[in-house]
Amino acid sequence: MIQSIFLKRSIVDYETARRLLIDHTNVNAADTFLGRLRQGQPPLPGQVTAILLALKVVFDALKDQTMIDRQLATALFLVSSEARQLFNGGLAKSLECPPLLNEDLGRITIAVKSIFSGTWQA
């Protein structure tokens, strides 16, 4: 699985982090972060951690850049706003909702803001 490979590596490069974020915003795949939220299911163990780590790697790689590619920008938008909408739309009321998911989504949003602003806020 993508996230288990990601977590096993001690040093993660930008391309791996970028690809993980893009892959996990695919709502049509059942085991991605947004795919699971869309189905009303909680993220798989390690998915949020992998996403947060990927966001930090992307921030470090792009903090001095003035442009972000469209595919990554779309993934960043989706992983923060779409995830929150899906959570608020039903998973928050579910008995299967992990107790810290709401806070994790807040951390994801702050990390995405950090990438766009160029200043780490988390």
PDB file of N, CA and C in Angstrom:
ATOM      1  N   MET A   1       0.826  -1.182   0.000  1.00  0.00           N
ATOM      2  CA  MET A   1       0.000   0.000   0.000  1.00  0.00           C
ATOM      3  C   MET A   1       0.874   1.253   0.000  1.00  0.00           C
ATOM      4  N   ILE A   2       0.435   2.314  -0.605  1.00  0.00           N
ATOM      5  CA  ILE A   2       1.231   3.527  -0.748  1.00  0.00           C
ATOM      6  C   ILE A   2       1.690   4.062   0.596  1.00  0.00           C
ATOM      7  N   GLN A   3       0.771   4.206   1.557  1.00  0.00           N
ATOM      8  CA  GLN A   3       1.156   4.824   2.816  1.00  0.00           C
ATOM      9  C   GLN A   3       2.124   3.981   3.617  1.00  0.00           C
ATOM     10  N   SER A   4       2.057   2.661   3.547  1.00  0.00           N
ATOM     11  CA  SER A   4       2.994   1.836   4.302  1.00  0.00           C
ATOM     12  C   SER A   4       4.399   1.958   3.716  1.00  0.00           C
ATOM     13  N   ILE A   5       4.513   2.037   2.411  1.00  0.00           N
ATOM     14  CA  ILE A   5       5.806   2.263   1.768  1.00  0.00           C
ATOM     15  C   ILE A   5       6.345   3.612   2.187  1.00  0.00           C
ATOM     16  N   PHE A   6       5.482   4.609   2.211  1.00  0.00           N
ATOM     17  CA  PHE A   6       5.851   5.970   2.547  1.00  0.00           C
ATOM     18  C   PHE A   6       6.389   6.042   3.970  1.00  0.00           C
ATOM     19  N   LEU A   7       5.717   5.396   4.909  1.00  0.00           N
ATOM     20  CA  LEU A   7       6.116   5.479   6.308  1.00  0.00           C
ATOM     21  C   LEU A   7       7.392   4.697   6.608  1.00  0.00           C
ATOM     22  N   LYS A   8       7.725   3.691   5.795  1.00  0.00           N
ATOM     23  CA  LYS A   8       8.916   2.896   6.036  1.00  0.00           C
ATOM     24  C   LYS A   8      10.190   3.626   5.640  1.00  0.00           C
ATOM     25  N   ARG A   9      10.089   4.617   4.804  1.00  0.00           N
ATOM     26  CA  ARG A   9      11.265   5.341   4.352  1.00  0.00           C
ATOM     27  C   ARG A   9      11.607   6.431   5.358  1.00  0.00           C
ATOM     28  N   SER A  10      12.880   6.488   5.767  1.00  0.00           N
ATOM     29  CA  SER A  10      13.268   7.478   6.760  1.00  0.00           C
ATOM     30  C   SER A  10      13.404   8.867   6.145  1.00  0.00           C
ATOM     31  N   ILE A  11      13.842   8.930   4.902  1.00  0.00           N
ATOM     32  CA  ILE A  11      13.940  10.211   4.208  1.00  0.00           C
ATOM     33  C   ILE A  11      13.016  10.135   3.005  1.00  0.00           C
ATOM     34  N   VAL A  12      12.101  11.064   2.926  1.00  0.00           N
ATOM     35  CA  VAL A  12      11.125  11.061   1.849  1.00  0.00           C
ATOM     36  C   VAL A  12      11.419  12.241   0.932  1.00  0.00           C
ATOM     37  N   ASP A  13      11.422  11.965  -0.346  1.00  0.00           N
ATOM     38  CA  ASP A  13      11.689  13.020  -1.304  1.00  0.00           C
ATOM     39  C   ASP A  13      10.393  13.714  -1.724  1.00  0.00           C
ATOM     40  N   TYR A  14      10.549  14.838  -2.341  1.00  0.00           N
ATOM     41  CA  TYR A  14       9.426  15.664  -2.774  1.00  0.00           C
ATOM     42  C   TYR A  14       8.493  14.913  -3.716  1.00  0.00           C
ATOM     43  N   GLU A  15       9.048  14.224  -4.710  1.00  0.00           N
ATOM     44  CA  GLU A  15       8.195  13.533  -5.687  1.00  0.00           C
ATOM     45  C   GLU A  15       7.342  12.458  -5.035  1.00  0.00           C
ATOM     46  N   THR A  16       7.896  11.726  -4.080  1.00  0.00           N
ATOM     47  CA  THR A  16       7.120  10.703  -3.370  1.00  0.00           C
ATOM     48  C   THR A  16       5.997  11.357  -2.573  1.00  0.00           C
ATOM     49  N   ALA A  17       6.309  12.443  -1.887  1.00  0.00           N
ATOM     50  CA  ALA A  17       5.305  13.159  -1.096  1.00  0.00           C
ATOM     51  C   ALA A  17       4.218  13.732  -2.004  1.00  0.00           C
ATOM     52  N   ARG A  18       4.623  14.326  -3.100  1.00  0.00           N
ATOM     53  CA  ARG A  18       3.672  14.894  -4.059  1.00  0.00           C
ATOM     54  C   ARG A  18       2.740  13.817  -4.595  1.00  0.00           C
ATOM     55  N   ARG A  19       3.303  12.695  -4.987  1.00  0.00           N
ATOM     56  CA  ARG A  19       2.513  11.594  -5.546  1.00  0.00           C
ATOM     57  C   ARG A  19       1.545  11.043  -4.505  1.00  0.00           C
ATOM     58  N   LEU A  20       1.983  10.915  -3.263  1.00  0.00           N
ATOM     59  CA  LEU A  20       1.105  10.416  -2.210  1.00  0.00           C
ATOM     60  C   LEU A  20      -0.100  11.334  -2.030  1.00  0.00           C
ATOM     61  N   LEU A  21       0.143  12.639  -2.004  1.00  0.00           N
ATOM     62  CA  LEU A  21      -0.965  13.589  -1.839  1.00  0.00           C
ATOM     63  C   LEU A  21      -1.936  13.504  -3.012  1.00  0.00           C
ATOM     64  N   ILE A  22      -1.421  13.433  -4.203  1.00  0.00           N
ATOM     65  CA  ILE A  22      -2.282  13.341  -5.385  1.00  0.00           C
ATOM     66  C   ILE A  22      -3.064  12.029  -5.361  1.00  0.00           C
ATOM     67  N   ASP A  23      -2.387  10.943  -5.052  1.00  0.00           N
ATOM     68  CA  ASP A  23      -3.054   9.637  -5.023  1.00  0.00           C
ATOM     69  C   ASP A  23      -4.156   9.577  -3.976  1.00  0.00           C
ATOM     70  N   HIS A  24      -3.933  10.168  -2.816  1.00  0.00           N
ATOM     71  CA  HIS A  24      -4.918  10.078  -1.736  1.00  0.00           C
ATOM     72  C   HIS A  24      -6.112  11.010  -1.914  1.00  0.00           C
ATOM     73  N   THR A  25      -6.084  11.836  -2.949  1.00  0.00           N
ATOM     74  CA  THR A  25      -7.251  12.678  -3.221  1.00  0.00           C
ATOM     75  C   THR A  25      -8.128  12.081  -4.312  1.00  0.00           C
ATOM     76  N   ASN A  26      -7.807  10.892  -4.756  1.00  0.00           N
ATOM     77  CA  ASN A  26      -8.625  10.180  -5.739  1.00  0.00           C
ATOM     78  C   ASN A  26      -9.850   9.609  -5.017  1.00  0.00           C
ATOM     79  N   VAL A  27     -11.011  10.191  -5.251  1.00  0.00           N
ATOM     80  CA  VAL A  27     -12.233   9.753  -4.552  1.00  0.00           C
ATOM     81  C   VAL A  27     -12.803   8.468  -5.127  1.00  0.00           C
ATOM     82  N   ASN A  28     -12.332   8.058  -6.287  1.00  0.00           N
ATOM     83  CA  ASN A  28     -12.862   6.845  -6.922  1.00  0.00           C
ATOM     84  C   ASN A  28     -12.162   5.569  -6.467  1.00  0.00           C
ATOM     85  N   ALA A  29     -11.058   5.692  -5.767  1.00  0.00           N
ATOM     86  CA  ALA A  29     -10.348   4.518  -5.251  1.00  0.00           C
ATOM     87  C   ALA A  29     -10.786   4.283  -3.805  1.00  0.00           C
ATOM     88  N   ALA A  30     -11.145   3.069  -3.500  1.00  0.00           N
ATOM     89  CA  ALA A  30     -11.742   2.746  -2.199  1.00  0.00           C
ATOM     90  C   ALA A  30     -10.791   2.890  -1.028  1.00  0.00           C
ATOM     91  N   ASP A  31      -9.488   2.752  -1.242  1.00  0.00           N
ATOM     92  CA  ASP A  31      -8.576   2.777  -0.104  1.00  0.00           C
ATOM     93  C   ASP A  31      -7.802   4.075   0.053  1.00  0.00           C
ATOM     94  N   THR A  32      -8.147   5.113  -0.714  1.00  0.00           N
ATOM     95  CA  THR A  32      -7.479   6.401  -0.548  1.00  0.00           C
ATOM     96  C   THR A  32      -8.133   7.175   0.589  1.00  0.00           C
ATOM     97  N   PHE A  33      -7.461   8.208   1.041  1.00  0.00           N
ATOM     98  CA  PHE A  33      -7.966   9.037   2.127  1.00  0.00           C
ATOM     99  C   PHE A  33      -9.350   9.603   1.798  1.00  0.00           C
ATOM    100  N   LEU A  34      -9.462  10.300   0.675  1.00  0.00           N
ATOM    101  CA  LEU A  34     -10.764  10.882   0.307  1.00  0.00           C
ATOM    102  C   LEU A  34     -11.762   9.819  -0.124  1.00  0.00           C
ATOM    103  N   GLY A  35     -11.298   8.755  -0.734  1.00  0.00           N
ATOM    104  CA  GLY A  35     -12.200   7.670  -1.123  1.00  0.00           C
ATOM    105  C   GLY A  35     -12.894   7.066   0.086  1.00  0.00           C
ATOM    106  N   ARG A  36     -12.141   6.847   1.145  1.00  0.00           N
ATOM    107  CA  ARG A  36     -12.732   6.286   2.365  1.00  0.00           C
ATOM    108  C   ARG A  36     -13.689   7.290   3.011  1.00  0.00           C
ATOM    109  N   LEU A  37     -13.298   8.555   3.082  1.00  0.00           N
ATOM    110  CA  LEU A  37     -14.186   9.559   3.670  1.00  0.00           C
ATOM    111  C   LEU A  37     -15.482   9.684   2.873  1.00  0.00           C
ATOM    112  N   ARG A  38     -15.384   9.620   1.559  1.00  0.00           N
ATOM    113  CA  ARG A  38     -16.574   9.700   0.706  1.00  0.00           C
ATOM    114  C   ARG A  38     -17.519   8.535   0.983  1.00  0.00           C
ATOM    115  N   GLN A  39     -16.977   7.361   1.318  1.00  0.00           N
ATOM    116  CA  GLN A  39     -17.789   6.189   1.641  1.00  0.00           C
ATOM    117  C   GLN A  39     -18.296   6.202   3.084  1.00  0.00           C
ATOM    118  N   GLY A  40     -17.952   7.259   3.834  1.00  0.00           N
ATOM    119  CA  GLY A  40     -18.364   7.345   5.229  1.00  0.00           C
ATOM    120  C   GLY A  40     -17.520   6.489   6.148  1.00  0.00           C
ATOM    121  N   GLN A  41     -16.332   6.108   5.683  1.00  0.00           N
ATOM    122  CA  GLN A  41     -15.431   5.280   6.477  1.00  0.00           C
ATOM    123  C   GLN A  41     -14.254   6.111   6.975  1.00  0.00           C
ATOM    124  N   PRO A  42     -13.725   5.759   8.127  1.00  0.00           N
ATOM    125  CA  PRO A  42     -12.556   6.488   8.633  1.00  0.00           C
ATOM    126  C   PRO A  42     -11.318   6.149   7.802  1.00  0.00           C
ATOM    127  N   PRO A  43     -10.308   7.001   7.865  1.00  0.00           N
ATOM    128  CA  PRO A  43      -9.061   6.701   7.164  1.00  0.00           C
ATOM    129  C   PRO A  43      -8.444   5.406   7.693  1.00  0.00           C
ATOM    130  N   LEU A  44      -7.658   4.768   6.851  1.00  0.00           N
ATOM    131  CA  LEU A  44      -6.914   3.593   7.280  1.00  0.00           C
ATOM    132  C   LEU A  44      -5.820   4.023   8.259  1.00  0.00           C
ATOM    133  N   PRO A  45      -5.414   3.138   9.158  1.00  0.00           N
ATOM    134  CA  PRO A  45      -4.323   3.493  10.074  1.00  0.00           C
ATOM    135  C   PRO A  45      -3.085   3.946   9.295  1.00  0.00           C
ATOM    136  N   GLY A  46      -2.538   5.049   9.694  1.00  0.00           N
ATOM    137  CA  GLY A  46      -1.341   5.589   9.054  1.00  0.00           C
ATOM    138  C   GLY A  46      -1.589   6.565   7.936  1.00  0.00           C
ATOM    139  N   GLN A  47      -2.806   6.634   7.408  1.00  0.00           N
ATOM    140  CA  GLN A  47      -3.061   7.545   6.288  1.00  0.00           C
ATOM    141  C   GLN A  47      -2.894   9.007   6.687  1.00  0.00           C
ATOM    142  N   VAL A  48      -3.450   9.400   7.799  1.00  0.00           N
ATOM    143  CA  VAL A  48      -3.347  10.801   8.213  1.00  0.00           C
ATOM    144  C   VAL A  48      -1.896  11.145   8.513  1.00  0.00           C
ATOM    145  N   THR A  49      -1.195  10.253   9.185  1.00  0.00           N
ATOM    146  CA  THR A  49       0.219  10.478   9.492  1.00  0.00           C
ATOM    147  C   THR A  49       1.025  10.633   8.206  1.00  0.00           C
ATOM    148  N   ALA A  50       0.774   9.768   7.228  1.00  0.00           N
ATOM    149  CA  ALA A  50       1.477   9.844   5.951  1.00  0.00           C
ATOM    150  C   ALA A  50       1.174  11.153   5.239  1.00  0.00           C
ATOM    151  N   ILE A  51      -0.070  11.589   5.276  1.00  0.00           N
ATOM    152  CA  ILE A  51      -0.456  12.846   4.621  1.00  0.00           C
ATOM    153  C   ILE A  51       0.213  14.029   5.306  1.00  0.00           C
ATOM    154  N   LEU A  52       0.200  14.045   6.632  1.00  0.00           N
ATOM    155  CA  LEU A  52       0.844  15.142   7.358  1.00  0.00           C
ATOM    156  C   LEU A  52       2.347  15.183   7.080  1.00  0.00           C
ATOM    157  N   LEU A  53       2.982  14.032   7.045  1.00  0.00           N
ATOM    158  CA  LEU A  53       4.407  13.973   6.732  1.00  0.00           C
ATOM    159  C   LEU A  53       4.663  14.440   5.305  1.00  0.00           C
ATOM    160  N   ALA A  54       3.832  14.017   4.380  1.00  0.00           N
ATOM    161  CA  ALA A  54       3.971  14.449   2.988  1.00  0.00           C
ATOM    162  C   ALA A  54       3.803  15.958   2.861  1.00  0.00           C
ATOM    163  N   LEU A  55       2.864  16.520   3.596  1.00  0.00           N
ATOM    164  CA  LEU A  55       2.653  17.968   3.556  1.00  0.00           C
ATOM    165  C   LEU A  55       3.883  18.717   4.056  1.00  0.00           C
ATOM    166  N   LYS A  56       4.526  18.200   5.077  1.00  0.00           N
ATOM    167  CA  LYS A  56       5.741  18.836   5.604  1.00  0.00           C
ATOM    168  C   LYS A  56       6.879  18.744   4.590  1.00  0.00           C
ATOM    169  N   VAL A  57       7.020  17.596   3.942  1.00  0.00           N
ATOM    170  CA  VAL A  57       8.062  17.430   2.921  1.00  0.00           C
ATOM    171  C   VAL A  57       7.807  18.382   1.749  1.00  0.00           C
ATOM    172  N   VAL A  58       6.552  18.488   1.324  1.00  0.00           N
ATOM    173  CA  VAL A  58       6.201  19.403   0.234  1.00  0.00           C
ATOM    174  C   VAL A  58       6.466  20.844   0.655  1.00  0.00           C
ATOM    175  N   PHE A  59       6.117  21.199   1.876  1.00  0.00           N
ATOM    176  CA  PHE A  59       6.398  22.551   2.359  1.00  0.00           C
ATOM    177  C   PHE A  59       7.892  22.851   2.279  1.00  0.00           C
ATOM    178  N   ASP A  60       8.704  21.938   2.828  1.00  0.00           N
ATOM    179  CA  ASP A  60      10.156  22.156   2.828  1.00  0.00           C
ATOM    180  C   ASP A  60      10.701  22.313   1.420  1.00  0.00           C
ATOM    181  N   ALA A  61      10.166  21.559   0.475  1.00  0.00           N
ATOM    182  CA  ALA A  61      10.648  21.627  -0.905  1.00  0.00           C
ATOM    183  C   ALA A  61      10.193  22.894  -1.625  1.00  0.00           C
ATOM    184  N   LEU A  62       9.044  23.428  -1.238  1.00  0.00           N
ATOM    185  CA  LEU A  62       8.457  24.553  -1.991  1.00  0.00           C
ATOM    186  C   LEU A  62       8.494  25.894  -1.266  1.00  0.00           C
ATOM    187  N   LYS A  63       9.012  25.939  -0.063  1.00  0.00           N
ATOM    188  CA  LYS A  63       8.894  27.173   0.730  1.00  0.00           C
ATOM    189  C   LYS A  63       9.489  28.408   0.058  1.00  0.00           C
ATOM    190  N   ASP A  64      10.476  28.230  -0.790  1.00  0.00           N
ATOM    191  CA  ASP A  64      11.069  29.377  -1.484  1.00  0.00           C
ATOM    192  C   ASP A  64      10.575  29.528  -2.916  1.00  0.00           C
ATOM    193  N   GLN A  65       9.640  28.682  -3.330  1.00  0.00           N
ATOM    194  CA  GLN A  65       9.100  28.729  -4.689  1.00  0.00           C
ATOM    195  C   GLN A  65       7.948  29.733  -4.763  1.00  0.00           C
ATOM    196  N   THR A  66       7.767  30.305  -5.919  1.00  0.00           N
ATOM    197  CA  THR A  66       6.659  31.239  -6.111  1.00  0.00           C
ATOM    198  C   THR A  66       5.484  30.609  -6.843  1.00  0.00           C
ATOM    199  N   MET A  67       5.686  29.381  -7.380  1.00  0.00           N
ATOM    200  CA  MET A  67       4.616  28.711  -8.119  1.00  0.00           C
ATOM    201  C   MET A  67       4.494  27.263  -7.670  1.00  0.00           C
ATOM    202  N   ILE A  68       3.268  26.744  -7.739  1.00  0.00           N
ATOM    203  CA  ILE A  68       2.979  25.348  -7.427  1.00  0.00           C
ATOM    204  C   ILE A  68       2.249  24.783  -8.635  1.00  0.00           C
ATOM    205  N   ASP A  69       2.627  23.571  -9.040  1.00  0.00           N
ATOM    206  CA  ASP A  69       1.966  23.005 -10.217  1.00  0.00           C
ATOM    207  C   ASP A  69       0.486  22.738  -9.938  1.00  0.00           C
ATOM    208  N   ARG A  70      -0.305  22.801 -10.970  1.00  0.00           N
ATOM    209  CA  ARG A  70      -1.766  22.717 -10.866  1.00  0.00           C
ATOM    210  C   ARG A  70      -2.241  21.407 -10.237  1.00  0.00           C
ATOM    211  N   GLN A  71      -1.629  20.288 -10.598  1.00  0.00           N
ATOM    212  CA  GLN A  71      -2.054  18.996 -10.066  1.00  0.00           C
ATOM    213  C   GLN A  71      -1.826  18.932  -8.552  1.00  0.00           C
ATOM    214  N   LEU A  72      -0.690  19.428  -8.095  1.00  0.00           N
ATOM    215  CA  LEU A  72      -0.420  19.455  -6.662  1.00  0.00           C
ATOM    216  C   LEU A  72      -1.347  20.446  -5.967  1.00  0.00           C
ATOM    217  N   ALA A  73      -1.550  21.611  -6.553  1.00  0.00           N
ATOM    218  CA  ALA A  73      -2.443  22.610  -5.954  1.00  0.00           C
ATOM    219  C   ALA A  73      -3.855  22.044  -5.792  1.00  0.00           C
ATOM    220  N   THR A  74      -4.313  21.319  -6.783  1.00  0.00           N
ATOM    221  CA  THR A  74      -5.634  20.683  -6.697  1.00  0.00           C
ATOM    222  C   THR A  74      -5.672  19.670  -5.563  1.00  0.00           C
ATOM    223  N   ALA A  75      -4.633  18.855  -5.462  1.00  0.00           N
ATOM    224  CA  ALA A  75      -4.572  17.855  -4.385  1.00  0.00           C
ATOM    225  C   ALA A  75      -4.558  18.534  -3.017  1.00  0.00           C
ATOM    226  N   LEU A  76      -3.806  19.615  -2.885  1.00  0.00           N
ATOM    227  CA  LEU A  76      -3.758  20.335  -1.609  1.00  0.00           C
ATOM    228  C   LEU A  76      -5.135  20.890  -1.244  1.00  0.00           C
ATOM    229  N   PHE A  77      -5.802  21.465  -2.218  1.00  0.00           N
ATOM    230  CA  PHE A  77      -7.149  21.978  -1.980  1.00  0.00           C
ATOM    231  C   PHE A  77      -8.084  20.854  -1.536  1.00  0.00           C
ATOM    232  N   LEU A  78      -8.049  19.746  -2.263  1.00  0.00           N
ATOM    233  CA  LEU A  78      -8.956  18.634  -1.967  1.00  0.00           C
ATOM    234  C   LEU A  78      -8.671  17.997  -0.614  1.00  0.00           C
ATOM    235  N   VAL A  79      -7.402  17.816  -0.278  1.00  0.00           N
ATOM    236  CA  VAL A  79      -7.071  17.143   0.975  1.00  0.00           C
ATOM    237  C   VAL A  79      -7.455  17.998   2.179  1.00  0.00           C
ATOM    238  N   SER A  80      -7.590  19.295   1.978  1.00  0.00           N
ATOM    239  CA  SER A  80      -8.019  20.133   3.103  1.00  0.00           C
ATOM    240  C   SER A  80      -9.519  20.417   3.060  1.00  0.00           C
ATOM    241  N   SER A  81     -10.016  20.969   1.975  1.00  0.00           N
ATOM    242  CA  SER A  81     -11.429  21.377   1.968  1.00  0.00           C
ATOM    243  C   SER A  81     -12.400  20.224   1.733  1.00  0.00           C
ATOM    244  N   GLU A  82     -12.111  19.366   0.769  1.00  0.00           N
ATOM    245  CA  GLU A  82     -13.015  18.250   0.475  1.00  0.00           C
ATOM    246  C   GLU A  82     -13.078  17.280   1.649  1.00  0.00           C
ATOM    247  N   ALA A  83     -11.930  17.034   2.270  1.00  0.00           N
ATOM    248  CA  ALA A  83     -11.902  16.142   3.434  1.00  0.00           C
ATOM    249  C   ALA A  83     -12.771  16.702   4.550  1.00  0.00           C
ATOM    250  N   ARG A  84     -12.693  17.981   4.780  1.00  0.00           N
ATOM    251  CA  ARG A  84     -13.506  18.624   5.826  1.00  0.00           C
ATOM    252  C   ARG A  84     -14.988  18.519   5.481  1.00  0.00           C
ATOM    253  N   GLN A  85     -15.341  18.767   4.237  1.00  0.00           N
ATOM    254  CA  GLN A  85     -16.750  18.674   3.830  1.00  0.00           C
ATOM    255  C   GLN A  85     -17.282  17.257   3.991  1.00  0.00           C
ATOM    256  N   LEU A  86     -16.486  16.281   3.597  1.00  0.00           N
ATOM    257  CA  LEU A  86     -16.920  14.893   3.734  1.00  0.00           C
ATOM    258  C   LEU A  86     -17.063  14.508   5.210  1.00  0.00           C
ATOM    259  N   PHE A  87     -16.156  14.976   6.015  1.00  0.00           N
ATOM    260  CA  PHE A  87     -16.220  14.718   7.456  1.00  0.00           C
ATOM    261  C   PHE A  87     -17.483  15.347   8.049  1.00  0.00           C
ATOM    262  N   ASN A  88     -17.695  16.618   7.746  1.00  0.00           N
ATOM    263  CA  ASN A  88     -18.866  17.321   8.280  1.00  0.00           C
ATOM    264  C   ASN A  88     -20.171  16.758   7.737  1.00  0.00           C
ATOM    265  N   GLY A  89     -20.111  16.206   6.535  1.00  0.00           N
ATOM    266  CA  GLY A  89     -21.305  15.684   5.890  1.00  0.00           C
ATOM    267  C   GLY A  89     -21.800  14.359   6.436  1.00  0.00           C
ATOM    268  N   GLY A  90     -21.073  13.732   7.308  1.00  0.00           N
ATOM    269  CA  GLY A  90     -21.585  12.474   7.810  1.00  0.00           C
ATOM    270  C   GLY A  90     -20.676  11.695   8.732  1.00  0.00           C
ATOM    271  N   LEU A  91     -19.397  11.672   8.434  1.00  0.00           N
ATOM    272  CA  LEU A  91     -18.496  10.855   9.240  1.00  0.00           C
ATOM    273  C   LEU A  91     -18.409  11.358  10.676  1.00  0.00           C
ATOM    274  N   ALA A  92     -18.555  12.653  10.896  1.00  0.00           N
ATOM    275  CA  ALA A  92     -18.484  13.212  12.250  1.00  0.00           C
ATOM    276  C   ALA A  92     -19.562  12.618  13.147  1.00  0.00           C
ATOM    277  N   LYS A  93     -20.681  12.222  12.561  1.00  0.00           N
ATOM    278  CA  LYS A  93     -21.801  11.666  13.330  1.00  0.00           C
ATOM    279  C   LYS A  93     -21.720  10.146  13.443  1.00  0.00           C
ATOM    280  N   SER A  94     -20.778   9.558  12.763  1.00  0.00           N
ATOM    281  CA  SER A  94     -20.660   8.100  12.706  1.00  0.00           C
ATOM    282  C   SER A  94     -20.010   7.532  13.963  1.00  0.00           C
ATOM    283  N   LEU A  95     -20.441   6.355  14.321  1.00  0.00           N
ATOM    284  CA  LEU A  95     -19.818   5.668  15.456  1.00  0.00           C
ATOM    285  C   LEU A  95     -18.416   5.197  15.110  1.00  0.00           C
ATOM    286  N   GLU A  96     -18.099   5.104  13.818  1.00  0.00           N
ATOM    287  CA  GLU A  96     -16.786   4.648  13.364  1.00  0.00           C
ATOM    288  C   GLU A  96     -15.757   5.773  13.301  1.00  0.00           C
ATOM    289  N   CYS A  97     -16.157   6.994  13.576  1.00  0.00           N
ATOM    290  CA  CYS A  97     -15.257   8.136  13.443  1.00  0.00           C
ATOM    291  C   CYS A  97     -14.182   8.110  14.535  1.00  0.00           C
ATOM    292  N   PRO A  98     -12.908   8.108  14.141  1.00  0.00           N
ATOM    293  CA  PRO A  98     -11.838   8.172  15.142  1.00  0.00           C
ATOM    294  C   PRO A  98     -11.943   9.468  15.947  1.00  0.00           C
ATOM    295  N   PRO A  99     -11.678   9.406  17.233  1.00  0.00           N
ATOM    296  CA  PRO A  99     -11.875  10.588  18.079  1.00  0.00           C
ATOM    297  C   PRO A  99     -11.013  11.784  17.711  1.00  0.00           C
ATOM    298  N   LEU A 100      -9.859  11.575  17.100  1.00  0.00           N
ATOM    299  CA  LEU A 100      -8.969  12.695  16.776  1.00  0.00           C
ATOM    300  C   LEU A 100      -9.033  13.132  15.315  1.00  0.00           C
ATOM    301  N   LEU A 101      -9.936  12.562  14.540  1.00  0.00           N
ATOM    302  CA  LEU A 101      -9.992  12.891  13.121  1.00  0.00           C
ATOM    303  C   LEU A 101     -10.297  14.367  12.887  1.00  0.00           C
ATOM    304  N   ASN A 102     -11.180  14.943  13.649  1.00  0.00           N
ATOM    305  CA  ASN A 102     -11.497  16.359  13.498  1.00  0.00           C
ATOM    306  C   ASN A 102     -10.246  17.220  13.701  1.00  0.00           C
ATOM    307  N   GLU A 103      -9.471  16.920  14.737  1.00  0.00           N
ATOM    308  CA  GLU A 103      -8.238  17.664  14.990  1.00  0.00           C
ATOM    309  C   GLU A 103      -7.205  17.403  13.889  1.00  0.00           C
ATOM    310  N   ASP A 104      -7.138  16.163  13.414  1.00  0.00           N
ATOM    311  CA  ASP A 104      -6.213  15.843  12.322  1.00  0.00           C
ATOM    312  C   ASP A 104      -6.550  16.636  11.060  1.00  0.00           C
ATOM    313  N   LEU A 105      -7.831  16.766  10.764  1.00  0.00           N
ATOM    314  CA  LEU A 105      -8.236  17.559   9.591  1.00  0.00           C
ATOM    315  C   LEU A 105      -7.837  19.019   9.773  1.00  0.00           C
ATOM    316  N   GLY A 106      -7.900  19.512  10.984  1.00  0.00           N
ATOM    317  CA  GLY A 106      -7.435  20.870  11.272  1.00  0.00           C
ATOM    318  C   GLY A 106      -5.942  21.008  11.027  1.00  0.00           C
ATOM    319  N   ARG A 107      -5.169  19.996  11.433  1.00  0.00           N
ATOM    320  CA  ARG A 107      -3.720  20.014  11.200  1.00  0.00           C
ATOM    321  C   ARG A 107      -3.408  19.976   9.695  1.00  0.00           C
ATOM    322  N   ILE A 108      -4.176  19.201   8.967  1.00  0.00           N
ATOM    323  CA  ILE A 108      -3.989  19.132   7.506  1.00  0.00           C
ATOM    324  C   ILE A 108      -4.246  20.504   6.891  1.00  0.00           C
ATOM    325  N   THR A 109      -5.322  21.148   7.310  1.00  0.00           N
ATOM    326  CA  THR A 109      -5.653  22.476   6.774  1.00  0.00           C
ATOM    327  C   THR A 109      -4.549  23.484   7.086  1.00  0.00           C
ATOM    328  N   ILE A 110      -4.031  23.459   8.299  1.00  0.00           N
ATOM    329  CA  ILE A 110      -2.955  24.380   8.677  1.00  0.00           C
ATOM    330  C   ILE A 110      -1.700  24.105   7.848  1.00  0.00           C
ATOM    331  N   ALA A 111      -1.390  22.837   7.619  1.00  0.00           N
ATOM    332  CA  ALA A 111      -0.216  22.493   6.817  1.00  0.00           C
ATOM    333  C   ALA A 111      -0.384  22.970   5.371  1.00  0.00           C
ATOM    334  N   VAL A 112      -1.586  22.817   4.820  1.00  0.00           N
ATOM    335  CA  VAL A 112      -1.838  23.286   3.446  1.00  0.00           C
ATOM    336  C   VAL A 112      -1.715  24.807   3.381  1.00  0.00           C
ATOM    337  N   LYS A 113      -2.259  25.503   4.367  1.00  0.00           N
ATOM    338  CA  LYS A 113      -2.103  26.968   4.419  1.00  0.00           C
ATOM    339  C   LYS A 113      -0.631  27.341   4.461  1.00  0.00           C
ATOM    340  N   SER A 114       0.138  26.580   5.221  1.00  0.00           N
ATOM    341  CA  SER A 114       1.578  26.833   5.339  1.00  0.00           C
ATOM    342  C   SER A 114       2.266  26.719   3.983  1.00  0.00           C
ATOM    343  N   ILE A 115       1.890  25.706   3.213  1.00  0.00           N
ATOM    344  CA  ILE A 115       2.487  25.517   1.888  1.00  0.00           C
ATOM    345  C   ILE A 115       2.174  26.708   0.996  1.00  0.00           C
ATOM    346  N   PHE A 116       0.934  27.167   1.020  1.00  0.00           N
ATOM    347  CA  PHE A 116       0.555  28.297   0.165  1.00  0.00           C
ATOM    348  C   PHE A 116       1.176  29.613   0.640  1.00  0.00           C
ATOM    349  N   SER A 117       1.363  29.764   1.940  1.00  0.00           N
ATOM    350  CA  SER A 117       1.902  31.026   2.460  1.00  0.00           C
ATOM    351  C   SER A 117       3.428  31.055   2.467  1.00  0.00           C
ATOM    352  N   GLY A 118       4.073  29.889   2.507  1.00  0.00           N
ATOM    353  CA  GLY A 118       5.531  29.840   2.566  1.00  0.00           C
ATOM    354  C   GLY A 118       6.088  29.942   3.980  1.00  0.00           C
ATOM    355  N   THR A 119       5.208  29.955   4.972  1.00  0.00           N
ATOM    356  CA  THR A 119       5.613  30.023   6.373  1.00  0.00           C
ATOM    357  C   THR A 119       4.935  28.890   7.118  1.00  0.00           C
ATOM    358  N   TRP A 120       5.734  28.043   7.784  1.00  0.00           N
ATOM    359  CA  TRP A 120       5.163  26.904   8.504  1.00  0.00           C
ATOM    360  C   TRP A 120       4.382  27.396   9.707  1.00  0.00           C
ATOM    361  N   GLN A 121       3.097  27.029   9.769  1.00  0.00           N
ATOM    362  CA  GLN A 121       2.205  27.515  10.813  1.00  0.00           C
ATOM    363  C   GLN A 121       1.819  26.436  11.806  1.00  0.00           C
ATOM    364  N   ALA A 122       2.149  25.194  11.532  1.00  0.00           N
ATOM    365  CA  ALA A 122       1.714  24.095  12.402  1.00  0.00           C
ATOM    366  C   ALA A 122       2.596  23.941  13.609  1.00  0.00           C
TER     367      ALA A 122
END
